[in-house]
PDB file of all heavy atoms in Angstrom:
ATOM      1  N   SER A   1      -5.628   1.985 -18.403  1.00  0.00           N
ATOM      2  CA  SER A   1      -6.125   2.808 -19.609  1.00  0.00           C
ATOM      3  C   SER A   1      -7.584   2.898 -19.652  1.00  0.00           C
ATOM      4  O   SER A   1      -8.336   1.832 -19.623  1.00  0.00           O
ATOM      5  CB  SER A   1      -5.470   2.272 -20.838  1.00  0.00           C
ATOM      6  OG  SER A   1      -5.905   3.038 -22.002  1.00  0.00           O
ATOM      7  N   GLY A   2      -8.176   4.066 -19.647  1.00  0.00           N
ATOM      8  CA  GLY A   2      -9.536   4.301 -19.752  1.00  0.00           C
ATOM      9  C   GLY A   2     -10.323   4.093 -18.486  1.00  0.00           C
ATOM     10  O   GLY A   2     -11.557   4.112 -18.509  1.00  0.00           O
ATOM     11  N   LYS A   3      -9.635   3.877 -17.376  1.00  0.00           N
ATOM     12  CA  LYS A   3     -10.348   3.583 -16.109  1.00  0.00           C
ATOM     13  C   LYS A   3      -9.969   4.655 -15.089  1.00  0.00           C
ATOM     14  O   LYS A   3      -9.001   5.414 -15.175  1.00  0.00           O
ATOM     15  CB  LYS A   3     -10.020   2.189 -15.587  1.00  0.00           C
ATOM     16  CG  LYS A   3     -10.554   1.095 -16.501  1.00  0.00           C
ATOM     17  CD  LYS A   3     -10.379  -0.265 -15.848  1.00  0.00           C
ATOM     18  CE  LYS A   3     -10.915  -1.421 -16.687  1.00  0.00           C
ATOM     19  NZ  LYS A   3     -10.799  -2.699 -16.039  1.00  0.00           N
ATOM     20  N   GLU A   4     -10.818   4.682 -13.968  1.00  0.00           N
ATOM     21  CA  GLU A   4     -10.490   5.589 -12.871  1.00  0.00           C
ATOM     22  C   GLU A   4      -9.297   5.128 -12.063  1.00  0.00           C
ATOM     23  O   GLU A   4      -8.945   3.900 -12.051  1.00  0.00           O
ATOM     24  CB  GLU A   4     -11.777   5.574 -11.941  1.00  0.00           C
ATOM     25  CG  GLU A   4     -12.984   6.164 -12.521  1.00  0.00           C
ATOM     26  CD  GLU A   4     -12.945   7.689 -12.592  1.00  0.00           C
ATOM     27  OE1 GLU A   4     -12.509   8.319 -11.581  1.00  0.00           O
ATOM     28  OE2 GLU A   4     -13.287   8.255 -13.597  1.00  0.00           O
ATOM     29  N   ARG A   5      -8.738   6.063 -11.391  1.00  0.00           N
ATOM     30  CA  ARG A   5      -7.583   5.690 -10.527  1.00  0.00           C
ATOM     31  C   ARG A   5      -8.141   4.879  -9.355  1.00  0.00           C
ATOM     32  O   ARG A   5      -9.085   5.262  -8.679  1.00  0.00           O
ATOM     33  CB  ARG A   5      -6.906   6.924 -10.023  1.00  0.00           C
ATOM     34  CG  ARG A   5      -5.543   6.677  -9.370  1.00  0.00           C
ATOM     35  CD  ARG A   5      -4.708   7.929  -9.232  1.00  0.00           C
ATOM     36  NE  ARG A   5      -4.279   8.424 -10.569  1.00  0.00           N
ATOM     37  CZ  ARG A   5      -3.373   9.379 -10.743  1.00  0.00           C
ATOM     38  NH1 ARG A   5      -2.744   9.874  -9.700  1.00  0.00           N
ATOM     39  NH2 ARG A   5      -3.075   9.723 -11.924  1.00  0.00           N
ATOM     40  N   GLU A   6      -7.459   3.763  -9.101  1.00  0.00           N
ATOM     41  CA  GLU A   6      -7.933   2.715  -8.073  1.00  0.00           C
ATOM     42  C   GLU A   6      -6.965   2.621  -6.923  1.00  0.00           C
ATOM     43  O   GLU A   6      -5.767   2.594  -7.147  1.00  0.00           O
ATOM     44  CB  GLU A   6      -8.055   1.375  -8.814  1.00  0.00           C
ATOM     45  CG  GLU A   6      -8.416   0.253  -7.900  1.00  0.00           C
ATOM     46  CD  GLU A   6      -8.261  -1.074  -8.580  1.00  0.00           C
ATOM     47  OE1 GLU A   6      -7.619  -1.174  -9.648  1.00  0.00           O
ATOM     48  OE2 GLU A   6      -8.836  -2.079  -8.104  1.00  0.00           O
ATOM     49  N   PHE A   7      -7.479   2.598  -5.746  1.00  0.00           N
ATOM     50  CA  PHE A   7      -6.676   2.372  -4.542  1.00  0.00           C
ATOM     51  C   PHE A   7      -6.146   0.951  -4.507  1.00  0.00           C
ATOM     52  O   PHE A   7      -6.865  -0.043  -4.786  1.00  0.00           O
ATOM     53  CB  PHE A   7      -7.497   2.540  -3.278  1.00  0.00           C
ATOM     54  CG  PHE A   7      -6.866   2.136  -2.018  1.00  0.00           C
ATOM     55  CD1 PHE A   7      -5.898   2.948  -1.411  1.00  0.00           C
ATOM     56  CD2 PHE A   7      -7.250   0.991  -1.395  1.00  0.00           C
ATOM     57  CE1 PHE A   7      -5.286   2.599  -0.203  1.00  0.00           C
ATOM     58  CE2 PHE A   7      -6.576   0.610  -0.188  1.00  0.00           C
ATOM     59  CZ  PHE A   7      -5.669   1.399   0.416  1.00  0.00           C
ATOM     60  N   VAL A   8      -4.868   0.829  -4.177  1.00  0.00           N
ATOM     61  CA  VAL A   8      -4.233  -0.472  -4.112  1.00  0.00           C
ATOM     62  C   VAL A   8      -3.900  -0.875  -2.737  1.00  0.00           C
ATOM     63  O   VAL A   8      -4.290  -1.881  -2.230  1.00  0.00           O
ATOM     64  CB  VAL A   8      -2.910  -0.514  -4.953  1.00  0.00           C
ATOM     65  CG1 VAL A   8      -2.246  -1.806  -4.777  1.00  0.00           C
ATOM     66  CG2 VAL A   8      -3.268  -0.235  -6.450  1.00  0.00           C
ATOM     67  N   ALA A   9      -3.113  -0.038  -2.048  1.00  0.00           N
ATOM     68  CA  ALA A   9      -2.736  -0.362  -0.654  1.00  0.00           C
ATOM     69  C   ALA A   9      -2.220   0.975   0.000  1.00  0.00           C
ATOM     70  O   ALA A   9      -1.781   1.861  -0.645  1.00  0.00           O
ATOM     71  CB  ALA A   9      -1.626  -1.412  -0.646  1.00  0.00           C
ATOM     72  N   SER A  10      -2.294   0.955   1.386  1.00  0.00           N
ATOM     73  CA  SER A  10      -1.684   2.117   2.110  1.00  0.00           C
ATOM     74  C   SER A  10      -1.036   1.622   3.386  1.00  0.00           C
ATOM     75  O   SER A  10      -1.335   0.491   3.876  1.00  0.00           O
ATOM     76  CB  SER A  10      -2.791   3.086   2.437  1.00  0.00           C
ATOM     77  OG  SER A  10      -3.783   2.486   3.293  1.00  0.00           O
ATOM     78  N   ILE A  11      -0.190   2.473   3.866  1.00  0.00           N
ATOM     79  CA  ILE A  11       0.542   2.147   5.133  1.00  0.00           C
ATOM     80  C   ILE A  11       0.778   3.514   5.941  1.00  0.00           C
ATOM     81  O   ILE A  11       1.104   4.470   5.359  1.00  0.00           O
ATOM     82  CB  ILE A  11       1.861   1.427   4.829  1.00  0.00           C
ATOM     83  CG1 ILE A  11       2.564   1.037   6.100  1.00  0.00           C
ATOM     84  CG2 ILE A  11       2.791   2.308   4.000  1.00  0.00           C
ATOM     85  CD1 ILE A  11       3.738   0.032   5.834  1.00  0.00           C
ATOM     86  N   THR A  12       0.519   3.400   7.205  1.00  0.00           N
ATOM     87  CA  THR A  12       0.756   4.558   8.024  1.00  0.00           C
ATOM     88  C   THR A  12       2.277   4.649   8.353  1.00  0.00           C
ATOM     89  O   THR A  12       2.930   3.585   8.610  1.00  0.00           O
ATOM     90  CB  THR A  12       0.018   4.540   9.385  1.00  0.00           C
ATOM     91  OG1 THR A  12       0.315   3.309  10.040  1.00  0.00           O
ATOM     92  CG2 THR A  12      -1.501   4.510   9.124  1.00  0.00           C
ATOM     93  N   TRP A  13       2.859   5.875   8.278  1.00  0.00           N
ATOM     94  CA  TRP A  13       4.261   5.959   8.559  1.00  0.00           C
ATOM     95  C   TRP A  13       4.567   5.622   9.959  1.00  0.00           C
ATOM     96  O   TRP A  13       5.643   5.100  10.315  1.00  0.00           O
ATOM     97  CB  TRP A  13       4.711   7.393   8.167  1.00  0.00           C
ATOM     98  CG  TRP A  13       6.158   7.395   7.892  1.00  0.00           C
ATOM     99  CD1 TRP A  13       7.116   8.025   8.617  1.00  0.00           C
ATOM    100  CD2 TRP A  13       6.861   6.808   6.773  1.00  0.00           C
ATOM    101  NE1 TRP A  13       8.386   7.830   8.063  1.00  0.00           N
ATOM    102  CE2 TRP A  13       8.269   7.077   6.943  1.00  0.00           C
ATOM    103  CE3 TRP A  13       6.411   6.083   5.686  1.00  0.00           C
ATOM    104  CZ2 TRP A  13       9.130   6.636   5.959  1.00  0.00           C
ATOM    105  CZ3 TRP A  13       7.354   5.625   4.766  1.00  0.00           C
ATOM    106  CH2 TRP A  13       8.703   5.892   4.895  1.00  0.00           C
ATOM    107  N   ASN A  14       3.646   5.974  10.894  1.00  0.00           N
ATOM    108  CA  ASN A  14       3.790   5.662  12.310  1.00  0.00           C
ATOM    109  C   ASN A  14       3.119   4.388  12.620  1.00  0.00           C
ATOM    110  O   ASN A  14       1.860   4.330  12.488  1.00  0.00           O
ATOM    111  CB  ASN A  14       3.264   6.828  13.151  1.00  0.00           C
ATOM    112  CG  ASN A  14       3.499   6.558  14.608  1.00  0.00           C
ATOM    113  OD1 ASN A  14       4.435   5.941  15.010  1.00  0.00           O
ATOM    114  ND2 ASN A  14       2.663   7.125  15.444  1.00  0.00           N
ATOM    115  N   GLY A  15       3.733   3.389  12.888  1.00  0.00           N
ATOM    116  CA  GLY A  15       3.086   2.129  13.250  1.00  0.00           C
ATOM    117  C   GLY A  15       3.032   1.051  12.175  1.00  0.00           C
ATOM    118  O   GLY A  15       2.910  -0.154  12.383  1.00  0.00           O
ATOM    119  N   GLY A  16       3.086   1.527  10.894  1.00  0.00           N
ATOM    120  CA  GLY A  16       3.086   0.659   9.816  1.00  0.00           C
ATOM    121  C   GLY A  16       1.796  -0.102   9.620  1.00  0.00           C
ATOM    122  O   GLY A  16       1.864  -1.280   9.095  1.00  0.00           O
ATOM    123  N   TYR A  17       0.741   0.446   9.972  1.00  0.00           N
ATOM    124  CA  TYR A  17      -0.583  -0.236   9.773  1.00  0.00           C
ATOM    125  C   TYR A  17      -0.905  -0.248   8.291  1.00  0.00           C
ATOM    126  O   TYR A  17      -0.784   0.803   7.633  1.00  0.00           O
ATOM    127  CB  TYR A  17      -1.668   0.453  10.592  1.00  0.00           C
ATOM    128  CG  TYR A  17      -1.428   0.353  12.085  1.00  0.00           C
ATOM    129  CD1 TYR A  17      -0.905   1.493  12.691  1.00  0.00           C
ATOM    130  CD2 TYR A  17      -1.520  -0.827  12.762  1.00  0.00           C
ATOM    131  CE1 TYR A  17      -0.574   1.434  14.068  1.00  0.00           C
ATOM    132  CE2 TYR A  17      -1.221  -0.867  14.138  1.00  0.00           C
ATOM    133  CZ  TYR A  17      -0.808   0.272  14.782  1.00  0.00           C
ATOM    134  OH  TYR A  17      -0.462   0.169  16.109  1.00  0.00           O
ATOM    135  N   THR A  18      -1.375  -1.341   7.766  1.00  0.00           N
ATOM    136  CA  THR A  18      -1.666  -1.536   6.349  1.00  0.00           C
ATOM    137  C   THR A  18      -3.125  -1.734   6.030  1.00  0.00           C
ATOM    138  O   THR A  18      -3.907  -2.233   6.939  1.00  0.00           O
ATOM    139  CB  THR A  18      -0.824  -2.669   5.794  1.00  0.00           C
ATOM    140  OG1 THR A  18      -1.200  -3.885   6.475  1.00  0.00           O
ATOM    141  CG2 THR A  18       0.646  -2.409   5.894  1.00  0.00           C
ATOM    142  N   TYR A  19      -3.445  -1.467   4.784  1.00  0.00           N
ATOM    143  CA  TYR A  19      -4.826  -1.570   4.321  1.00  0.00           C
ATOM    144  C   TYR A  19      -4.732  -1.829   2.791  1.00  0.00           C
ATOM    145  O   TYR A  19      -3.922  -1.240   2.160  1.00  0.00           O
ATOM    146  CB  TYR A  19      -5.633  -0.386   4.602  1.00  0.00           C
ATOM    147  CG  TYR A  19      -7.085  -0.446   4.210  1.00  0.00           C
ATOM    148  CD1 TYR A  19      -7.983  -1.380   4.769  1.00  0.00           C
ATOM    149  CD2 TYR A  19      -7.583   0.398   3.217  1.00  0.00           C
ATOM    150  CE1 TYR A  19      -9.273  -1.434   4.408  1.00  0.00           C
ATOM    151  CE2 TYR A  19      -8.954   0.305   2.802  1.00  0.00           C
ATOM    152  CZ  TYR A  19      -9.790  -0.608   3.436  1.00  0.00           C
ATOM    153  OH  TYR A  19     -11.107  -0.722   3.054  1.00  0.00           O
ATOM    154  N   TYR A  20      -5.572  -2.804   2.308  1.00  0.00           N
ATOM    155  CA  TYR A  20      -5.463  -3.241   0.926  1.00  0.00           C
ATOM    156  C   TYR A  20      -6.769  -3.150   0.212  1.00  0.00           C
ATOM    157  O   TYR A  20      -7.898  -3.340   0.782  1.00  0.00           O
ATOM    158  CB  TYR A  20      -4.925  -4.647   0.841  1.00  0.00           C
ATOM    159  CG  TYR A  20      -3.560  -4.829   1.348  1.00  0.00           C
ATOM    160  CD1 TYR A  20      -3.287  -5.158   2.673  1.00  0.00           C
ATOM    161  CD2 TYR A  20      -2.484  -4.647   0.472  1.00  0.00           C
ATOM    162  CE1 TYR A  20      -1.980  -5.290   3.150  1.00  0.00           C
ATOM    163  CE2 TYR A  20      -1.136  -4.813   0.985  1.00  0.00           C
ATOM    164  CZ  TYR A  20      -0.903  -5.103   2.333  1.00  0.00           C
ATOM    165  OH  TYR A  20       0.353  -5.238   2.733  1.00  0.00           O
ATOM    166  N   GLY A  21      -6.754  -2.903  -1.082  1.00  0.00           N
ATOM    167  CA  GLY A  21      -7.926  -2.959  -1.917  1.00  0.00           C
ATOM    168  C   GLY A  21      -8.327  -4.444  -2.113  1.00  0.00           C
ATOM    169  O   GLY A  21      -7.428  -5.363  -2.086  1.00  0.00           O
ATOM    170  N   ASP A  22      -9.504  -4.646  -2.392  1.00  0.00           N
ATOM    171  CA  ASP A  22      -9.980  -6.024  -2.430  1.00  0.00           C
ATOM    172  C   ASP A  22      -9.343  -6.839  -3.607  1.00  0.00           C
ATOM    173  O   ASP A  22      -9.089  -8.088  -3.422  1.00  0.00           O
ATOM    174  CB  ASP A  22     -11.535  -6.138  -2.640  1.00  0.00           C
ATOM    175  CG  ASP A  22     -12.217  -5.703  -1.355  1.00  0.00           C
ATOM    176  OD1 ASP A  22     -11.668  -5.788  -0.245  1.00  0.00           O
ATOM    177  OD2 ASP A  22     -13.435  -5.299  -1.487  1.00  0.00           O
ATOM    178  N   SER A  23      -8.983  -6.173  -4.658  1.00  0.00           N
ATOM    179  CA  SER A  23      -8.512  -6.903  -5.810  1.00  0.00           C
ATOM    180  C   SER A  23      -7.095  -7.389  -5.613  1.00  0.00           C
ATOM    181  O   SER A  23      -6.592  -8.145  -6.421  1.00  0.00           O
ATOM    182  CB  SER A  23      -8.580  -5.970  -7.036  1.00  0.00           C
ATOM    183  OG  SER A  23      -7.830  -4.815  -6.865  1.00  0.00           O
ATOM    184  N   VAL A  24      -6.379  -6.876  -4.616  1.00  0.00           N
ATOM    185  CA  VAL A  24      -5.036  -7.223  -4.437  1.00  0.00           C
ATOM    186  C   VAL A  24      -4.672  -7.970  -3.135  1.00  0.00           C
ATOM    187  O   VAL A  24      -3.572  -8.407  -2.861  1.00  0.00           O
ATOM    188  CB  VAL A  24      -4.012  -5.989  -4.559  1.00  0.00           C
ATOM    189  CG1 VAL A  24      -4.296  -5.281  -5.877  1.00  0.00           C
ATOM    190  CG2 VAL A  24      -4.238  -5.067  -3.369  1.00  0.00           C
ATOM    191  N   LYS A  25      -5.720  -8.122  -2.243  1.00  0.00           N
ATOM    192  CA  LYS A  25      -5.505  -8.760  -0.980  1.00  0.00           C
ATOM    193  C   LYS A  25      -4.923 -10.178  -1.192  1.00  0.00           C
ATOM    194  O   LYS A  25      -5.450 -10.956  -1.970  1.00  0.00           O
ATOM    195  CB  LYS A  25      -6.803  -8.796  -0.230  1.00  0.00           C
ATOM    196  CG  LYS A  25      -7.204  -7.529   0.517  1.00  0.00           C
ATOM    197  CD  LYS A  25      -8.523  -7.739   1.259  1.00  0.00           C
ATOM    198  CE  LYS A  25      -8.992  -6.460   1.845  1.00  0.00           C
ATOM    199  NZ  LYS A  25     -10.334  -6.566   2.414  1.00  0.00           N
ATOM    200  N   GLY A  26      -3.994 -10.438  -0.414  1.00  0.00           N
ATOM    201  CA  GLY A  26      -3.304 -11.782  -0.432  1.00  0.00           C
ATOM    202  C   GLY A  26      -2.272 -11.968  -1.508  1.00  0.00           C
ATOM    203  O   GLY A  26      -1.529 -12.914  -1.539  1.00  0.00           O
ATOM    204  N   ARG A  27      -2.144 -11.005  -2.405  1.00  0.00           N
ATOM    205  CA  ARG A  27      -1.147 -11.028  -3.487  1.00  0.00           C
ATOM    206  C   ARG A  27      -0.098  -9.912  -3.357  1.00  0.00           C
ATOM    207  O   ARG A  27       1.054 -10.097  -3.689  1.00  0.00           O
ATOM    208  CB  ARG A  27      -1.845 -10.934  -4.844  1.00  0.00           C
ATOM    209  CG  ARG A  27      -2.879 -12.030  -5.146  1.00  0.00           C
ATOM    210  CD  ARG A  27      -3.265 -11.967  -6.570  1.00  0.00           C
ATOM    211  NE  ARG A  27      -3.962 -10.773  -6.891  1.00  0.00           N
ATOM    212  CZ  ARG A  27      -3.574  -9.953  -7.910  1.00  0.00           C
ATOM    213  NH1 ARG A  27      -2.517 -10.216  -8.624  1.00  0.00           N
ATOM    214  NH2 ARG A  27      -4.285  -8.825  -8.139  1.00  0.00           N
ATOM    215  N   PHE A  28      -0.490  -8.738  -2.927  1.00  0.00           N
ATOM    216  CA  PHE A  28       0.424  -7.591  -2.774  1.00  0.00           C
ATOM    217  C   PHE A  28       0.653  -7.343  -1.358  1.00  0.00           C
ATOM    218  O   PHE A  28      -0.184  -7.508  -0.462  1.00  0.00           O
ATOM    219  CB  PHE A  28      -0.301  -6.332  -3.427  1.00  0.00           C
ATOM    220  CG  PHE A  28      -0.417  -6.354  -4.893  1.00  0.00           C
ATOM    221  CD1 PHE A  28      -0.216  -7.553  -5.656  1.00  0.00           C
ATOM    222  CD2 PHE A  28      -0.780  -5.180  -5.601  1.00  0.00           C
ATOM    223  CE1 PHE A  28      -0.380  -7.494  -7.069  1.00  0.00           C
ATOM    224  CE2 PHE A  28      -0.955  -5.182  -6.954  1.00  0.00           C
ATOM    225  CZ  PHE A  28      -0.726  -6.363  -7.658  1.00  0.00           C
ATOM    226  N   THR A  29       1.868  -6.794  -1.101  1.00  0.00           N
ATOM    227  CA  THR A  29       2.255  -6.387   0.250  1.00  0.00           C
ATOM    228  C   THR A  29       2.941  -5.022   0.199  1.00  0.00           C
ATOM    229  O   THR A  29       3.818  -4.807  -0.591  1.00  0.00           O
ATOM    230  CB  THR A  29       3.210  -7.412   0.885  1.00  0.00           C
ATOM    231  OG1 THR A  29       2.667  -8.705   0.895  1.00  0.00           O
ATOM    232  CG2 THR A  29       3.613  -6.986   2.326  1.00  0.00           C
ATOM    233  N   ILE A  30       2.445  -4.145   1.059  1.00  0.00           N
ATOM    234  CA  ILE A  30       3.042  -2.798   1.125  1.00  0.00           C
ATOM    235  C   ILE A  30       3.859  -2.768   2.417  1.00  0.00           C
ATOM    236  O   ILE A  30       3.427  -3.280   3.463  1.00  0.00           O
ATOM    237  CB  ILE A  30       1.973  -1.684   1.107  1.00  0.00           C
ATOM    238  CG1 ILE A  30       2.645  -0.309   1.063  1.00  0.00           C
ATOM    239  CG2 ILE A  30       1.000  -1.815   2.309  1.00  0.00           C
ATOM    240  CD1 ILE A  30       1.607   0.894   0.892  1.00  0.00           C
ATOM    241  N   PHE A  31       5.066  -2.226   2.308  1.00  0.00           N
ATOM    242  CA  PHE A  31       5.955  -2.061   3.505  1.00  0.00           C
ATOM    243  C   PHE A  31       6.848  -0.940   3.351  1.00  0.00           C
ATOM    244  O   PHE A  31       6.970  -0.339   2.225  1.00  0.00           O
ATOM    245  CB  PHE A  31       6.684  -3.336   3.797  1.00  0.00           C
ATOM    246  CG  PHE A  31       7.658  -3.835   2.716  1.00  0.00           C
ATOM    247  CD1 PHE A  31       8.994  -3.576   2.806  1.00  0.00           C
ATOM    248  CD2 PHE A  31       7.175  -4.484   1.587  1.00  0.00           C
ATOM    249  CE1 PHE A  31       9.828  -3.999   1.790  1.00  0.00           C
ATOM    250  CE2 PHE A  31       8.056  -4.992   0.632  1.00  0.00           C
ATOM    251  CZ  PHE A  31       9.374  -4.732   0.681  1.00  0.00           C
ATOM    252  N   ARG A  32       7.467  -0.473   4.400  1.00  0.00           N
ATOM    253  CA  ARG A  32       8.243   0.760   4.376  1.00  0.00           C
ATOM    254  C   ARG A  32       9.643   0.484   5.033  1.00  0.00           C
ATOM    255  O   ARG A  32       9.772  -0.353   5.851  1.00  0.00           O
ATOM    256  CB  ARG A  32       7.582   1.913   5.023  1.00  0.00           C
ATOM    257  CG  ARG A  32       7.606   1.805   6.594  1.00  0.00           C
ATOM    258  CD  ARG A  32       6.582   2.593   7.259  1.00  0.00           C
ATOM    259  NE  ARG A  32       6.691   2.724   8.720  1.00  0.00           N
ATOM    260  CZ  ARG A  32       6.694   1.714   9.618  1.00  0.00           C
ATOM    261  NH1 ARG A  32       6.548   0.473   9.171  1.00  0.00           N
ATOM    262  NH2 ARG A  32       6.700   2.002  10.892  1.00  0.00           N
ATOM    263  N   ASP A  33      10.549   1.248   4.580  1.00  0.00           N
ATOM    264  CA  ASP A  33      11.894   1.368   5.246  1.00  0.00           C
ATOM    265  C   ASP A  33      12.088   2.802   5.735  1.00  0.00           C
ATOM    266  O   ASP A  33      12.295   3.652   4.931  1.00  0.00           O
ATOM    267  CB  ASP A  33      12.959   0.974   4.245  1.00  0.00           C
ATOM    268  CG  ASP A  33      14.386   0.927   4.874  1.00  0.00           C
ATOM    269  OD1 ASP A  33      14.576   1.691   5.807  1.00  0.00           O
ATOM    270  OD2 ASP A  33      15.199   0.107   4.351  1.00  0.00           O
ATOM    271  N   SER A  34      11.849   3.045   6.975  1.00  0.00           N
ATOM    272  CA  SER A  34      11.863   4.401   7.486  1.00  0.00           C
ATOM    273  C   SER A  34      13.205   5.020   7.355  1.00  0.00           C
ATOM    274  O   SER A  34      13.278   6.254   7.070  1.00  0.00           O
ATOM    275  CB  SER A  34      11.484   4.371   8.997  1.00  0.00           C
ATOM    276  OG  SER A  34      10.164   3.850   9.143  1.00  0.00           O
ATOM    277  N   ALA A  35      14.266   4.261   7.455  1.00  0.00           N
ATOM    278  CA  ALA A  35      15.644   4.822   7.356  1.00  0.00           C
ATOM    279  C   ALA A  35      15.902   5.374   6.002  1.00  0.00           C
ATOM    280  O   ALA A  35      16.651   6.348   5.791  1.00  0.00           O
ATOM    281  CB  ALA A  35      16.623   3.792   7.758  1.00  0.00           C
ATOM    282  N   LYS A  36      15.296   4.814   4.991  1.00  0.00           N
ATOM    283  CA  LYS A  36      15.483   5.162   3.575  1.00  0.00           C
ATOM    284  C   LYS A  36      14.361   6.066   3.091  1.00  0.00           C
ATOM    285  O   LYS A  36      14.294   6.441   1.890  1.00  0.00           O
ATOM    286  CB  LYS A  36      15.594   3.957   2.684  1.00  0.00           C
ATOM    287  CG  LYS A  36      16.809   3.071   2.977  1.00  0.00           C
ATOM    288  CD  LYS A  36      16.862   1.889   2.035  1.00  0.00           C
ATOM    289  CE  LYS A  36      18.112   1.027   2.294  1.00  0.00           C
ATOM    290  NZ  LYS A  36      18.182  -0.118   1.317  1.00  0.00           N
ATOM    291  N   SER A  37      13.361   6.309   3.899  1.00  0.00           N
ATOM    292  CA  SER A  37      12.130   7.021   3.516  1.00  0.00           C
ATOM    293  C   SER A  37      11.597   6.448   2.263  1.00  0.00           C
ATOM    294  O   SER A  37      11.275   7.211   1.249  1.00  0.00           O
ATOM    295  CB  SER A  37      12.510   8.538   3.348  1.00  0.00           C
ATOM    296  OG  SER A  37      12.802   9.106   4.562  1.00  0.00           O
ATOM    297  N   THR A  38      11.446   5.215   2.223  1.00  0.00           N
ATOM    298  CA  THR A  38      11.052   4.508   0.949  1.00  0.00           C
ATOM    299  C   THR A  38       9.868   3.543   1.298  1.00  0.00           C
ATOM    300  O   THR A  38       9.910   2.907   2.363  1.00  0.00           O
ATOM    301  CB  THR A  38      12.184   3.726   0.339  1.00  0.00           C
ATOM    302  OG1 THR A  38      13.220   4.628  -0.007  1.00  0.00           O
ATOM    303  CG2 THR A  38      11.741   3.007  -0.919  1.00  0.00           C
ATOM    304  N   VAL A  39       8.883   3.521   0.406  1.00  0.00           N
ATOM    305  CA  VAL A  39       7.786   2.601   0.563  1.00  0.00           C
ATOM    306  C   VAL A  39       7.882   1.643  -0.641  1.00  0.00           C
ATOM    307  O   VAL A  39       8.089   2.043  -1.731  1.00  0.00           O
ATOM    308  CB  VAL A  39       6.443   3.387   0.571  1.00  0.00           C
ATOM    309  CG1 VAL A  39       5.267   2.379   0.517  1.00  0.00           C
ATOM    310  CG2 VAL A  39       6.317   4.245   1.735  1.00  0.00           C
TER     311      VAL A  39
END
């Protein structure tokens, strides 16, 4: 509330390469299930 939209994490659909924002590194994990088209 009252703040800018902040990047949390991303993942490439091909290869599953990940990248995290500094505030969530080590606590959050992004992953995908290609068969379910779900992140």
